[in-house]
PDB file of N, CA and C in Angstrom:
ATOM      1  N   MET A   1     109.544 119.136  91.869  1.00  0.00           N
ATOM      2  CA  MET A   1     108.649 118.556  91.980  1.00  0.00           C
ATOM      3  C   MET A   1     108.649 117.523  93.121  1.00  0.00           C
ATOM      4  N   ARG A   2     108.076 117.883  94.152  1.00  0.00           N
ATOM      5  CA  ARG A   2     108.241 117.058  95.299  1.00  0.00           C
ATOM      6  C   ARG A   2     107.139 116.073  95.140  1.00  0.00           C
ATOM      7  N   THR A   3     107.898 114.042  95.598  1.00  0.00           N
ATOM      8  CA  THR A   3     106.851 113.173  95.028  1.00  0.00           C
ATOM      9  C   THR A   3     106.366 112.689  96.434  1.00  0.00           C
ATOM     10  N   LEU A   4     105.260 112.983  97.024  1.00  0.00           N
ATOM     11  CA  LEU A   4     104.410 112.023  97.568  1.00  0.00           C
ATOM     12  C   LEU A   4     104.022 110.743  97.040  1.00  0.00           C
ATOM     13  N   ALA A   5     104.695 109.639  97.771  1.00  0.00           N
ATOM     14  CA  ALA A   5     104.150 107.731  97.556  1.00  0.00           C
ATOM     15  C   ALA A   5     104.101 107.163  98.854  1.00  0.00           C
ATOM     16  N   ILE A   6     103.286 105.782  97.818  1.00  0.00           N
ATOM     17  CA  ILE A   6     102.811 105.084  99.061  1.00  0.00           C
ATOM     18  C   ILE A   6     103.458 104.094  98.146  1.00  0.00           C
ATOM     19  N   TYR A   7     103.945 102.785  98.206  1.00  0.00           N
ATOM     20  CA  TYR A   7     104.812 102.175  97.957  1.00  0.00           C
ATOM     21  C   TYR A   7     104.094 100.383  99.488  1.00  0.00           C
ATOM     22  N   GLY A   8     103.229  99.294  98.718  1.00  0.00           N
ATOM     23  CA  GLY A   8     103.314  98.275  99.566  1.00  0.00           C
ATOM     24  C   GLY A   8     104.330  97.873 100.659  1.00  0.00           C
ATOM     25  N   SER A   9     105.378  97.904  99.724  1.00  0.00           N
ATOM     26  CA  SER A   9     106.476  97.546 100.378  1.00  0.00           C
ATOM     27  C   SER A   9     107.981  98.412 100.433  1.00  0.00           C
ATOM     28  N   GLY A  10     107.684  98.936  99.922  1.00  0.00           N
ATOM     29  CA  GLY A  10     109.432 100.312  99.880  1.00  0.00           C
ATOM     30  C   GLY A  10     109.002 101.167 100.344  1.00  0.00           C
ATOM     31  N   LEU A  11     109.591 102.376  99.746  1.00  0.00           N
ATOM     32  CA  LEU A  11     109.923 103.769 100.672  1.00  0.00           C
ATOM     33  C   LEU A  11     108.299 104.096 100.755  1.00  0.00           C
ATOM     34  N   LEU A  12     108.243 105.442 101.775  1.00  0.00           N
ATOM     35  CA  LEU A  12     107.498 105.248 101.859  1.00  0.00           C
ATOM     36  C   LEU A  12     107.373 107.261 102.177  1.00  0.00           C
ATOM     37  N   ALA A  13     106.589 107.700 101.888  1.00  0.00           N
ATOM     38  CA  ALA A  13     106.879 109.172 101.767  1.00  0.00           C
ATOM     39  C   ALA A  13     105.630 109.994 102.595  1.00  0.00           C
ATOM     40  N   LEU A  14     104.672 108.911 102.270  1.00  0.00           N
ATOM     41  CA  LEU A  14     103.386 109.540 102.970  1.00  0.00           C
ATOM     42  C   LEU A  14     102.659 108.143 102.729  1.00  0.00           C
ATOM     43  N   ALA A  15     101.635 107.539 103.613  1.00  0.00           N
ATOM     44  CA  ALA A  15     101.030 106.690 103.884  1.00  0.00           C
ATOM     45  C   ALA A  15      99.828 106.837 103.820  1.00  0.00           C
ATOM     46  N   LEU A  16      99.034 106.584 103.064  1.00  0.00           N
ATOM     47  CA  LEU A  16      97.765 105.872 102.691  1.00  0.00           C
ATOM     48  C   LEU A  16      97.377 103.989 102.117  1.00  0.00           C
ATOM     49  N   ALA A  17      96.158 104.133 102.851  1.00  0.00           N
ATOM     50  CA  ALA A  17      96.150 103.096 101.822  1.00  0.00           C
ATOM     51  C   ALA A  17      94.277 102.695 102.390  1.00  0.00           C
ATOM     52  N   ALA A  18      94.422 101.154 101.563  1.00  0.00           N
ATOM     53  CA  ALA A  18      92.693 100.767 101.816  1.00  0.00           C
ATOM     54  C   ALA A  18      92.373  99.452 101.200  1.00  0.00           C
ATOM     55  N   CYS A  19      91.815  99.008 101.912  1.00  0.00           N
ATOM     56  CA  CYS A  19      91.669  97.158 100.973  1.00  0.00           C
ATOM     57  C   CYS A  19      89.758  97.258 100.697  1.00  0.00           C
ATOM     58  N   GLY A  20      90.011  96.999  99.452  1.00  0.00           N
ATOM     59  CA  GLY A  20      88.329  97.479  98.933  1.00  0.00           C
ATOM     60  C   GLY A  20      87.427  96.570  97.579  1.00  0.00           C
ATOM     61  N   GLY A  21      87.107  96.739  97.506  1.00  0.00           N
ATOM     62  CA  GLY A  21      85.700  95.506  96.659  1.00  0.00           C
ATOM     63  C   GLY A  21      84.862  96.526  95.565  1.00  0.00           C
ATOM     64  N   GLY A  22      84.754  95.693  94.664  1.00  0.00           N
ATOM     65  CA  GLY A  22      83.605  96.323  94.010  1.00  0.00           C
ATOM     66  C   GLY A  22      83.771  97.050  92.997  1.00  0.00           C
ATOM     67  N   ALA A  23      84.881  98.124  92.964  1.00  0.00           N
ATOM     68  CA  ALA A  23      85.792  98.573  91.840  1.00  0.00           C
ATOM     69  C   ALA A  23      85.765  98.008  90.155  1.00  0.00           C
ATOM     70  N   THR A  24      85.293  98.473  89.298  1.00  0.00           N
ATOM     71  CA  THR A  24      85.519  97.941  88.639  1.00  0.00           C
ATOM     72  C   THR A  24      86.443  98.330  87.370  1.00  0.00           C
ATOM     73  N   SER A  25      87.353  99.181  87.460  1.00  0.00           N
ATOM     74  CA  SER A  25      88.277  99.351  86.855  1.00  0.00           C
ATOM     75  C   SER A  25      89.482 100.285  87.732  1.00  0.00           C
ATOM     76  N   PRO A  26      90.602  99.970  87.509  1.00  0.00           N
ATOM     77  CA  PRO A  26      91.900 100.518  87.996  1.00  0.00           C
ATOM     78  C   PRO A  26      91.943 102.466  88.037  1.00  0.00           C
ATOM     79  N   GLN A  27      91.282 102.822  86.881  1.00  0.00           N
ATOM     80  CA  GLN A  27      91.057 103.826  86.918  1.00  0.00           C
ATOM     81  C   GLN A  27      89.469 104.888  88.096  1.00  0.00           C
ATOM     82  N   LYS A  28      88.342 103.828  87.353  1.00  0.00           N
ATOM     83  CA  LYS A  28      88.072 104.068  88.576  1.00  0.00           C
ATOM     84  C   LYS A  28      88.008 103.701  90.046  1.00  0.00           C
ATOM     85  N   VAL A  29      88.978 102.647  90.262  1.00  0.00           N
ATOM     86  CA  VAL A  29      89.664 102.957  91.542  1.00  0.00           C
ATOM     87  C   VAL A  29      90.371 103.936  92.557  1.00  0.00           C
ATOM     88  N   THR A  30      91.660 104.347  91.119  1.00  0.00           N
ATOM     89  CA  THR A  30      92.629 105.839  91.336  1.00  0.00           C
ATOM     90  C   THR A  30      91.941 106.743  91.356  1.00  0.00           C
ATOM     91  N   ASN A  31      90.522 107.018  91.034  1.00  0.00           N
ATOM     92  CA  ASN A  31      90.076 108.081  91.166  1.00  0.00           C
ATOM     93  C   ASN A  31      89.121 107.941  92.366  1.00  0.00           C
ATOM     94  N   ASP A  32      88.076 106.911  93.115  1.00  0.00           N
ATOM     95  CA  ASP A  32      88.277 106.468  94.359  1.00  0.00           C
ATOM     96  C   ASP A  32      88.868 107.396  95.459  1.00  0.00           C
ATOM     97  N   ALA A  33      90.214 106.574  94.722  1.00  0.00           N
ATOM     98  CA  ALA A  33      91.390 106.675  96.059  1.00  0.00           C
ATOM     99  C   ALA A  33      91.223 108.983  96.200  1.00  0.00           C
ATOM    100  N   THR A  34      91.915 109.139  95.142  1.00  0.00           N
ATOM    101  CA  THR A  34      92.275 110.245  94.592  1.00  0.00           C
ATOM    102  C   THR A  34      91.354 111.207  95.110  1.00  0.00           C
ATOM    103  N   ALA A  35      89.902 110.837  94.909  1.00  0.00           N
ATOM    104  CA  ALA A  35      88.919 111.698  95.547  1.00  0.00           C
ATOM    105  C   ALA A  35      89.114 111.519  97.298  1.00  0.00           C
ATOM    106  N   ALA A  36      89.041 110.800  97.622  1.00  0.00           N
ATOM    107  CA  ALA A  36      88.955 110.382  99.125  1.00  0.00           C
ATOM    108  C   ALA A  36      90.339 111.084  99.725  1.00  0.00           C
ATOM    109  N   VAL A  37      91.363 111.266  98.725  1.00  0.00           N
ATOM    110  CA  VAL A  37      92.622 111.810  99.974  1.00  0.00           C
ATOM    111  C   VAL A  37      92.134 113.543  99.703  1.00  0.00           C
ATOM    112  N   TYR A  38      91.166 114.148  98.630  1.00  0.00           N
ATOM    113  CA  TYR A  38      91.274 115.168  98.862  1.00  0.00           C
ATOM    114  C   TYR A  38      90.292 115.354  99.717  1.00  0.00           C
ATOM    115  N   ASN A  39      89.419 114.597 100.401  1.00  0.00           N
ATOM    116  CA  ASN A  39      87.932 114.701 100.544  1.00  0.00           C
ATOM    117  C   ASN A  39      88.313 114.700 102.443  1.00  0.00           C
ATOM    118  N   ASP A  40      89.882 114.184 102.919  1.00  0.00           N
ATOM    119  CA  ASP A  40      90.843 113.935 104.272  1.00  0.00           C
ATOM    120  C   ASP A  40      89.524 112.697 104.201  1.00  0.00           C
ATOM    121  N   ASP A  41      89.182 111.315 103.613  1.00  0.00           N
ATOM    122  CA  ASP A  41      88.393 110.623 104.515  1.00  0.00           C
ATOM    123  C   ASP A  41      88.913 109.368 103.945  1.00  0.00           C
ATOM    124  N   LEU A  42      89.398 109.284 105.652  1.00  0.00           N
ATOM    125  CA  LEU A  42      90.469 107.926 105.513  1.00  0.00           C
ATOM    126  C   LEU A  42      89.552 106.767 104.872  1.00  0.00           C
ATOM    127  N   ASN A  43      88.564 106.354 105.749  1.00  0.00           N
ATOM    128  CA  ASN A  43      87.697 105.056 105.829  1.00  0.00           C
ATOM    129  C   ASN A  43      87.846 105.083 103.871  1.00  0.00           C
ATOM    130  N   ALA A  44      87.448 105.567 103.082  1.00  0.00           N
ATOM    131  CA  ALA A  44      86.993 105.829 101.897  1.00  0.00           C
ATOM    132  C   ALA A  44      88.340 105.468 100.940  1.00  0.00           C
ATOM    133  N   MET A  45      89.942 105.862 101.371  1.00  0.00           N
ATOM    134  CA  MET A  45      90.709 105.379 101.108  1.00  0.00           C
ATOM    135  C   MET A  45      91.010 103.988 100.711  1.00  0.00           C
ATOM    136  N   GLN A  46      90.302 103.834 102.232  1.00  0.00           N
ATOM    137  CA  GLN A  46      90.938 102.433 102.729  1.00  0.00           C
ATOM    138  C   GLN A  46      89.703 101.535 101.985  1.00  0.00           C
ATOM    139  N   SER A  47      89.036 101.347 101.619  1.00  0.00           N
ATOM    140  CA  SER A  47      88.005 100.840 100.939  1.00  0.00           C
ATOM    141  C   SER A  47      88.904 100.556  99.006  1.00  0.00           C
ATOM    142  N   ASN A  48      89.973 100.867  98.840  1.00  0.00           N
ATOM    143  CA  ASN A  48      90.625 100.891  97.737  1.00  0.00           C
ATOM    144  C   ASN A  48      92.127 100.514  97.556  1.00  0.00           C
ATOM    145  N   PHE A  49      93.061 100.664  98.978  1.00  0.00           N
ATOM    146  CA  PHE A  49      94.133  99.838  99.171  1.00  0.00           C
ATOM    147  C   PHE A  49      94.124  98.158  99.300  1.00  0.00           C
ATOM    148  N   ASP A  50      95.083  97.714  98.266  1.00  0.00           N
ATOM    149  CA  ASP A  50      94.770  96.565  99.535  1.00  0.00           C
ATOM    150  C   ASP A  50      95.757  96.080 101.395  1.00  0.00           C
ATOM    151  N   ALA A  51      95.471  95.659 101.885  1.00  0.00           N
ATOM    152  CA  ALA A  51      95.500  95.269 103.387  1.00  0.00           C
ATOM    153  C   ALA A  51      97.277  95.812 103.480  1.00  0.00           C
ATOM    154  N   ALA A  52      98.494  95.223 102.377  1.00  0.00           N
ATOM    155  CA  ALA A  52      99.757  95.659 102.509  1.00  0.00           C
ATOM    156  C   ALA A  52      99.760  97.192 102.999  1.00  0.00           C
ATOM    157  N   LEU A  53      99.133  97.459 101.958  1.00  0.00           N
ATOM    158  CA  LEU A  53      98.900  99.277 101.978  1.00  0.00           C
ATOM    159  C   LEU A  53      98.116  99.927 103.084  1.00  0.00           C
ATOM    160  N   GLU A  54      96.971  99.286 103.419  1.00  0.00           N
ATOM    161  CA  GLU A  54      96.366  99.776 104.101  1.00  0.00           C
ATOM    162  C   GLU A  54      97.092  99.961 105.743  1.00  0.00           C
ATOM    163  N   LYS A  55      97.989  99.483 105.998  1.00  0.00           N
ATOM    164  CA  LYS A  55      98.944  98.986 107.295  1.00  0.00           C
ATOM    165  C   LYS A  55      99.854 100.635 107.321  1.00  0.00           C
ATOM    166  N   GLN A  56      99.768 101.301 105.760  1.00  0.00           N
ATOM    167  CA  GLN A  56     100.426 102.048 105.832  1.00  0.00           C
ATOM    168  C   GLN A  56      99.994 103.579 106.202  1.00  0.00           C
ATOM    169  N   VAL A  57      98.899 103.407 105.988  1.00  0.00           N
ATOM    170  CA  VAL A  57      97.738 105.188 106.099  1.00  0.00           C
ATOM    171  C   VAL A  57      98.203 105.385 107.755  1.00  0.00           C
ATOM    172  N   THR A  58      97.828 106.748 107.515  1.00  0.00           N
ATOM    173  CA  THR A  58      97.818 107.648 108.985  1.00  0.00           C
ATOM    174  C   THR A  58      97.334 108.688 108.938  1.00  0.00           C
ATOM    175  N   ILE A  59      96.046 109.227 109.227  1.00  0.00           N
ATOM    176  CA  ILE A  59      95.152 109.983 109.495  1.00  0.00           C
ATOM    177  C   ILE A  59      96.090 111.715 109.187  1.00  0.00           C
ATOM    178  N   ASP A  60      96.970 111.914 110.178  1.00  0.00           N
ATOM    179  CA  ASP A  60      97.744 112.833 109.311  1.00  0.00           C
ATOM    180  C   ASP A  60      98.352 112.913 108.522  1.00  0.00           C
ATOM    181  N   GLY A  61      98.613 111.720 108.021  1.00  0.00           N
ATOM    182  CA  GLY A  61      99.181 111.668 107.072  1.00  0.00           C
ATOM    183  C   GLY A  61      98.281 112.193 105.217  1.00  0.00           C
ATOM    184  N   VAL A  62      97.341 111.445 105.811  1.00  0.00           N
ATOM    185  CA  VAL A  62      96.170 111.905 104.615  1.00  0.00           C
ATOM    186  C   VAL A  62      95.891 113.598 104.996  1.00  0.00           C
ATOM    187  N   ALA A  63      95.477 113.980 106.375  1.00  0.00           N
ATOM    188  CA  ALA A  63      94.622 114.989 105.999  1.00  0.00           C
ATOM    189  C   ALA A  63      96.358 115.923 105.741  1.00  0.00           C
ATOM    190  N   THR A  64      97.466 115.918 105.737  1.00  0.00           N
ATOM    191  CA  THR A  64      98.493 117.182 105.202  1.00  0.00           C
ATOM    192  C   THR A  64      98.428 116.919 103.627  1.00  0.00           C
ATOM    193  N   LEU A  65      98.086 115.570 103.151  1.00  0.00           N
ATOM    194  CA  LEU A  65      98.784 115.716 101.878  1.00  0.00           C
ATOM    195  C   LEU A  65      96.499 116.304 100.774  1.00  0.00           C
ATOM    196  N   SER A  66      95.984 116.300 101.870  1.00  0.00           N
ATOM    197  CA  SER A  66      94.196 116.767 101.671  1.00  0.00           C
ATOM    198  C   SER A  66      94.312 118.758 100.922  1.00  0.00           C
ATOM    199  N   ARG A  67      95.020 118.622 102.647  1.00  0.00           N
ATOM    200  CA  ARG A  67      95.185 120.180 102.325  1.00  0.00           C
ATOM    201  C   ARG A  67      96.466 120.335 101.308  1.00  0.00           C
ATOM    202  N   LYS A  68      97.402 120.029 100.764  1.00  0.00           N
ATOM    203  CA  LYS A  68      98.276 120.411  99.920  1.00  0.00           C
ATOM    204  C   LYS A  68      97.454 120.422  98.463  1.00  0.00           C
ATOM    205  N   LEU A  69      96.175 119.327  98.090  1.00  0.00           N
ATOM    206  CA  LEU A  69      95.798 119.401  97.370  1.00  0.00           C
ATOM    207  C   LEU A  69      94.271 120.055  97.091  1.00  0.00           C
ATOM    208  N   HIS A  70      94.327 120.683  98.280  1.00  0.00           N
ATOM    209  CA  HIS A  70      92.497 121.669  98.747  1.00  0.00           C
ATOM    210  C   HIS A  70      93.864 122.984  97.804  1.00  0.00           C
ATOM    211  N   ALA A  71      94.627 123.005  97.414  1.00  0.00           N
ATOM    212  CA  ALA A  71      95.080 124.218  97.483  1.00  0.00           C
ATOM    213  C   ALA A  71      95.312 124.649  96.248  1.00  0.00           C
ATOM    214  N   PHE A  72      94.669 123.392  95.022  1.00  0.00           N
ATOM    215  CA  PHE A  72      94.878 123.502  93.823  1.00  0.00           C
ATOM    216  C   PHE A  72      93.629 123.777  93.336  1.00  0.00           C
ATOM    217  N   GLY A  73      92.874 124.185  93.885  1.00  0.00           N
ATOM    218  CA  GLY A  73      91.074 124.417  94.378  1.00  0.00           C
ATOM    219  C   GLY A  73      90.899 122.492  93.611  1.00  0.00           C
ATOM    220  N   ALA A  74      89.009 122.698  93.142  1.00  0.00           N
ATOM    221  CA  ALA A  74      88.895 122.157  93.238  1.00  0.00           C
ATOM    222  C   ALA A  74      88.699 120.701  92.683  1.00  0.00           C
ATOM    223  N   TYR A  75      89.173 119.188  92.953  1.00  0.00           N
ATOM    224  CA  TYR A  75      89.481 118.645  92.449  1.00  0.00           C
ATOM    225  C   TYR A  75      87.970 117.848  90.912  1.00  0.00           C
ATOM    226  N   LYS A  76      88.816 117.266  89.631  1.00  0.00           N
ATOM    227  CA  LYS A  76      87.536 117.084  88.431  1.00  0.00           C
ATOM    228  C   LYS A  76      87.765 116.134  88.363  1.00  0.00           C
ATOM    229  N   GLY A  77      88.814 114.729  88.312  1.00  0.00           N
ATOM    230  CA  GLY A  77      89.263 114.052  87.834  1.00  0.00           C
ATOM    231  C   GLY A  77      90.379 113.663  87.376  1.00  0.00           C
ATOM    232  N   LEU A  78      90.244 112.524  86.691  1.00  0.00           N
ATOM    233  CA  LEU A  78      91.118 111.392  86.485  1.00  0.00           C
ATOM    234  C   LEU A  78      91.209 111.440  84.609  1.00  0.00           C
ATOM    235  N   THR A  79      92.526 111.975  84.225  1.00  0.00           N
ATOM    236  CA  THR A  79      93.062 110.975  82.392  1.00  0.00           C
ATOM    237  C   THR A  79      93.930 110.184  82.725  1.00  0.00           C
ATOM    238  N   GLN A  80      93.413 109.472  81.991  1.00  0.00           N
ATOM    239  CA  GLN A  80      94.684 108.118  82.163  1.00  0.00           C
ATOM    240  C   GLN A  80      95.610 108.014  81.012  1.00  0.00           C
ATOM    241  N   THR A  81      97.066 108.396  81.413  1.00  0.00           N
ATOM    242  CA  THR A  81      97.932 109.108  80.426  1.00  0.00           C
ATOM    243  C   THR A  81      98.808 107.676  79.736  1.00  0.00           C
ATOM    244  N   ALA A  82      99.146 106.741  80.688  1.00  0.00           N
ATOM    245  CA  ALA A  82      99.858 105.485  80.089  1.00  0.00           C
ATOM    246  C   ALA A  82      98.972 103.685  81.403  1.00  0.00           C
ATOM    247  N   ALA A  83      99.300 103.153  80.036  1.00  0.00           N
ATOM    248  CA  ALA A  83      98.417 101.534  80.557  1.00  0.00           C
ATOM    249  C   ALA A  83      99.537 100.347  80.805  1.00  0.00           C
ATOM    250  N   ASP A  84      99.586  99.910  81.578  1.00  0.00           N
ATOM    251  CA  ASP A  84     100.529  98.487  81.883  1.00  0.00           C
ATOM    252  C   ASP A  84      99.809  97.508  82.179  1.00  0.00           C
ATOM    253  N   ALA A  85      98.749  96.711  81.907  1.00  0.00           N
ATOM    254  CA  ALA A  85      98.022  95.710  82.503  1.00  0.00           C
ATOM    255  C   ALA A  85      98.329  94.646  82.828  1.00  0.00           C
ATOM    256  N   THR A  86      99.409  94.070  82.116  1.00  0.00           N
ATOM    257  CA  THR A  86     100.148  92.828  82.458  1.00  0.00           C
ATOM    258  C   THR A  86     100.597  92.970  83.692  1.00  0.00           C
ATOM    259  N   GLY A  87     101.328  94.699  84.371  1.00  0.00           N
ATOM    260  CA  GLY A  87     102.122  94.493  85.080  1.00  0.00           C
ATOM    261  C   GLY A  87     100.908  95.348  86.045  1.00  0.00           C
ATOM    262  N   GLY A  88      99.887  95.358  85.934  1.00  0.00           N
ATOM    263  CA  GLY A  88      99.005  96.079  86.896  1.00  0.00           C
ATOM    264  C   GLY A  88      99.554  97.796  87.418  1.00  0.00           C
ATOM    265  N   ARG A  89     100.621  98.256  86.503  1.00  0.00           N
ATOM    266  CA  ARG A  89     101.094  99.676  86.694  1.00  0.00           C
ATOM    267  C   ARG A  89      99.841 100.888  85.231  1.00  0.00           C
ATOM    268  N   TYR A  90      98.833 102.048  86.354  1.00  0.00           N
ATOM    269  CA  TYR A  90      99.043 102.780  85.174  1.00  0.00           C
ATOM    270  C   TYR A  90      98.721 104.284  86.109  1.00  0.00           C
ATOM    271  N   ASP A  91      99.224 104.965  84.500  1.00  0.00           N
ATOM    272  CA  ASP A  91      99.456 106.656  84.834  1.00  0.00           C
ATOM    273  C   ASP A  91      98.029 107.478  84.878  1.00  0.00           C
ATOM    274  N   TYR A  92      98.044 108.202  85.683  1.00  0.00           N
ATOM    275  CA  TYR A  92      96.859 109.321  85.104  1.00  0.00           C
ATOM    276  C   TYR A  92      97.373 110.436  85.436  1.00  0.00           C
ATOM    277  N   ASN A  93      96.483 111.675  84.694  1.00  0.00           N
ATOM    278  CA  ASN A  93      96.753 112.982  85.042  1.00  0.00           C
ATOM    279  C   ASN A  93      95.776 113.532  86.249  1.00  0.00           C
ATOM    280  N   ALA A  94      95.509 114.095  86.992  1.00  0.00           N
ATOM    281  CA  ALA A  94      94.836 114.794  88.178  1.00  0.00           C
ATOM    282  C   ALA A  94      94.414 115.785  88.120  1.00  0.00           C
ATOM    283  N   SER A  95      92.977 116.597  87.255  1.00  0.00           N
ATOM    284  CA  SER A  95      92.976 117.685  87.252  1.00  0.00           C
ATOM    285  C   SER A  95      92.353 118.343  87.988  1.00  0.00           C
ATOM    286  N   PHE A  96      93.082 119.876  88.344  1.00  0.00           N
ATOM    287  CA  PHE A  96      92.184 120.256  89.657  1.00  0.00           C
ATOM    288  C   PHE A  96      91.969 121.727  89.441  1.00  0.00           C
ATOM    289  N   ASP A  97      91.491 122.017  89.825  1.00  0.00           N
ATOM    290  CA  ASP A  97      90.990 124.365  89.080  1.00  0.00           C
ATOM    291  C   ASP A  97      92.843 124.325  88.842  1.00  0.00           C
ATOM    292  N   ASN A  98      93.368 124.613  89.388  1.00  0.00           N
ATOM    293  CA  ASN A  98      94.336 125.535  88.736  1.00  0.00           C
ATOM    294  C   ASN A  98      95.845 124.734  89.103  1.00  0.00           C
ATOM    295  N   ALA A  99      95.957 123.333  88.265  1.00  0.00           N
ATOM    296  CA  ALA A  99      96.753 122.332  88.196  1.00  0.00           C
ATOM    297  C   ALA A  99      96.688 121.026  87.880  1.00  0.00           C
ATOM    298  N   THR A 100      97.409 120.703  87.046  1.00  0.00           N
ATOM    299  CA  THR A 100      97.397 118.946  87.080  1.00  0.00           C
ATOM    300  C   THR A 100      98.185 118.426  87.418  1.00  0.00           C
ATOM    301  N   MET A 101      98.304 117.202  87.567  1.00  0.00           N
ATOM    302  CA  MET A 101      99.849 116.799  88.640  1.00  0.00           C
ATOM    303  C   MET A 101      99.383 115.579  87.988  1.00  0.00           C
ATOM    304  N   ALA A 102     100.330 114.380  88.689  1.00  0.00           N
ATOM    305  CA  ALA A 102     100.770 112.804  87.672  1.00  0.00           C
ATOM    306  C   ALA A 102     100.220 112.097  89.105  1.00  0.00           C
ATOM    307  N   VAL A 103      99.948 110.689  88.359  1.00  0.00           N
ATOM    308  CA  VAL A 103      99.054 109.695  89.901  1.00  0.00           C
ATOM    309  C   VAL A 103      99.626 108.947  89.353  1.00  0.00           C
ATOM    310  N   HIS A 104     100.576 107.410  89.884  1.00  0.00           N
ATOM    311  CA  HIS A 104     100.304 106.537  89.828  1.00  0.00           C
ATOM    312  C   HIS A 104      99.971 105.371  90.619  1.00  0.00           C
ATOM    313  N   VAL A 105      99.990 103.893  89.790  1.00  0.00           N
ATOM    314  CA  VAL A 105      99.779 103.259  90.537  1.00  0.00           C
ATOM    315  C   VAL A 105     100.272 101.645  89.666  1.00  0.00           C
ATOM    316  N   ARG A 106     100.206 101.407  91.015  1.00  0.00           N
ATOM    317  CA  ARG A 106      99.881  99.641  90.719  1.00  0.00           C
ATOM    318  C   ARG A 106      98.577  98.678  91.040  1.00  0.00           C
ATOM    319  N   VAL A 107      97.636  98.500  90.896  1.00  0.00           N
ATOM    320  CA  VAL A 107      96.892  97.588  91.401  1.00  0.00           C
ATOM    321  C   VAL A 107      97.098  96.071  91.082  1.00  0.00           C
ATOM    322  N   ASP A 108      96.696  95.534  91.770  1.00  0.00           N
ATOM    323  CA  ASP A 108      96.631  94.012  91.969  1.00  0.00           C
ATOM    324  C   ASP A 108      96.088  93.268  91.872  1.00  0.00           C
ATOM    325  N   SER A 109      95.529  91.986  90.910  1.00  0.00           N
ATOM    326  CA  SER A 109      95.075  91.099  90.796  1.00  0.00           C
ATOM    327  C   SER A 109      93.556  90.726  90.943  1.00  0.00           C
ATOM    328  N   ASP A 110      93.190  91.492  92.314  1.00  0.00           N
ATOM    329  CA  ASP A 110      92.073  91.631  93.208  1.00  0.00           C
ATOM    330  C   ASP A 110      91.471  93.457  92.824  1.00  0.00           C
ATOM    331  N   GLY A 111      92.045  93.663  91.902  1.00  0.00           N
ATOM    332  CA  GLY A 111      91.778  95.357  91.328  1.00  0.00           C
ATOM    333  C   GLY A 111      91.813  96.103  92.644  1.00  0.00           C
ATOM    334  N   ARG A 112      93.004  95.911  93.779  1.00  0.00           N
ATOM    335  CA  ARG A 112      93.093  96.730  95.244  1.00  0.00           C
ATOM    336  C   ARG A 112      94.471  97.419  94.588  1.00  0.00           C
ATOM    337  N   ILE A 113      94.431  98.425  94.907  1.00  0.00           N
ATOM    338  CA  ILE A 113      95.521  99.529  94.920  1.00  0.00           C
ATOM    339  C   ILE A 113      96.481  98.982  95.782  1.00  0.00           C
ATOM    340  N   ALA A 114      98.278  98.741  94.915  1.00  0.00           N
ATOM    341  CA  ALA A 114      98.371  98.070  95.865  1.00  0.00           C
ATOM    342  C   ALA A 114     100.207  99.376  96.118  1.00  0.00           C
ATOM    343  N   ALA A 115      99.914 100.496  95.153  1.00  0.00           N
ATOM    344  CA  ALA A 115     101.537 101.039  94.925  1.00  0.00           C
ATOM    345  C   ALA A 115     100.461 102.529  94.762  1.00  0.00           C
ATOM    346  N   TYR A 116     100.835 103.712  95.352  1.00  0.00           N
ATOM    347  CA  TYR A 116      99.617 104.909  94.800  1.00  0.00           C
ATOM    348  C   TYR A 116     101.364 106.226  95.317  1.00  0.00           C
ATOM    349  N   ARG A 117     101.325 107.113  94.037  1.00  0.00           N
ATOM    350  CA  ARG A 117     102.000 108.164  94.199  1.00  0.00           C
ATOM    351  C   ARG A 117     101.151 109.377  93.647  1.00  0.00           C
ATOM    352  N   ILE A 118     101.109 110.380  93.933  1.00  0.00           N
ATOM    353  CA  ILE A 118     101.071 111.698  93.306  1.00  0.00           C
ATOM    354  C   ILE A 118     102.025 112.679  93.332  1.00  0.00           C
ATOM    355  N   ASP A 119     101.947 113.396  92.423  1.00  0.00           N
ATOM    356  CA  ASP A 119     103.585 114.455  92.137  1.00  0.00           C
ATOM    357  C   ASP A 119     102.864 115.841  92.489  1.00  0.00           C
ATOM    358  N   VAL A 120     103.162 115.936  93.533  1.00  0.00           N
ATOM    359  CA  VAL A 120     102.400 117.440  94.070  1.00  0.00           C
ATOM    360  C   VAL A 120     103.590 118.417  93.995  1.00  0.00           C
ATOM    361  N   PRO A 121     103.440 119.426  93.391  1.00  0.00           N
ATOM    362  CA  PRO A 121     104.154 120.622  92.833  1.00  0.00           C
ATOM    363  C   PRO A 121     105.017 121.022  94.303  1.00  0.00           C
ATOM    364  N   GLN A 122     106.372 121.350  94.009  1.00  0.00           N
ATOM    365  CA  GLN A 122     106.737 121.353  95.535  1.00  0.00           C
ATOM    366  C   GLN A 122     106.044 122.782  96.102  1.00  0.00           C
ATOM    367  N   ASN A 123     105.774 124.049  95.316  1.00  0.00           N
ATOM    368  CA  ASN A 123     105.655 125.151  96.454  1.00  0.00           C
ATOM    369  C   ASN A 123     104.401 125.139  96.902  1.00  0.00           C
ATOM    370  N   VAL A 124     103.830 123.638  96.968  1.00  0.00           N
ATOM    371  CA  VAL A 124     102.751 123.413  97.731  1.00  0.00           C
ATOM    372  C   VAL A 124     103.047 122.557  98.772  1.00  0.00           C
ATOM    373  N   ALA A 125     104.066 121.972  98.547  1.00  0.00           N
ATOM    374  CA  ALA A 125     104.625 121.024  99.881  1.00  0.00           C
ATOM    375  C   ALA A 125     105.101 121.544 100.517  1.00  0.00           C
ATOM    376  N   SER A 126     105.372 122.535 101.250  1.00  0.00           N
ATOM    377  CA  SER A 126     106.395 123.411 102.473  1.00  0.00           C
ATOM    378  C   SER A 126     105.222 123.548 102.884  1.00  0.00           C
ATOM    379  N   ARG A 127     103.783 124.349 102.231  1.00  0.00           N
ATOM    380  CA  ARG A 127     102.592 124.884 103.052  1.00  0.00           C
ATOM    381  C   ARG A 127     101.903 123.675 104.192  1.00  0.00           C
TER     382      ARG A 127
END
């Protein structure tokens, strides 16, 4: 499996970002961000990430990841697999027509995504 990751202050395999308001839960914010990536919608992504992560976003990076996700069929949503609310860390499974992959996030105290990683199977990562 190839991992595409976004970290507010660390190693960056793919830059994605935003600074968003009004999301009611980490799962909603993560679902909205994942749907925005799938839809190749940079502006929608930026409504979910914190300011530091937003600066790491590239339109080409979002487009590349979107193409990879589309290879798995339609995006169906998230199921939570783990949570550390104290640390703001949450893990989900993102369901697609033809695959399920892990999504890992860290959410800041304002409810914005400060780190985002989606594990895309390698057979699609090279397409």
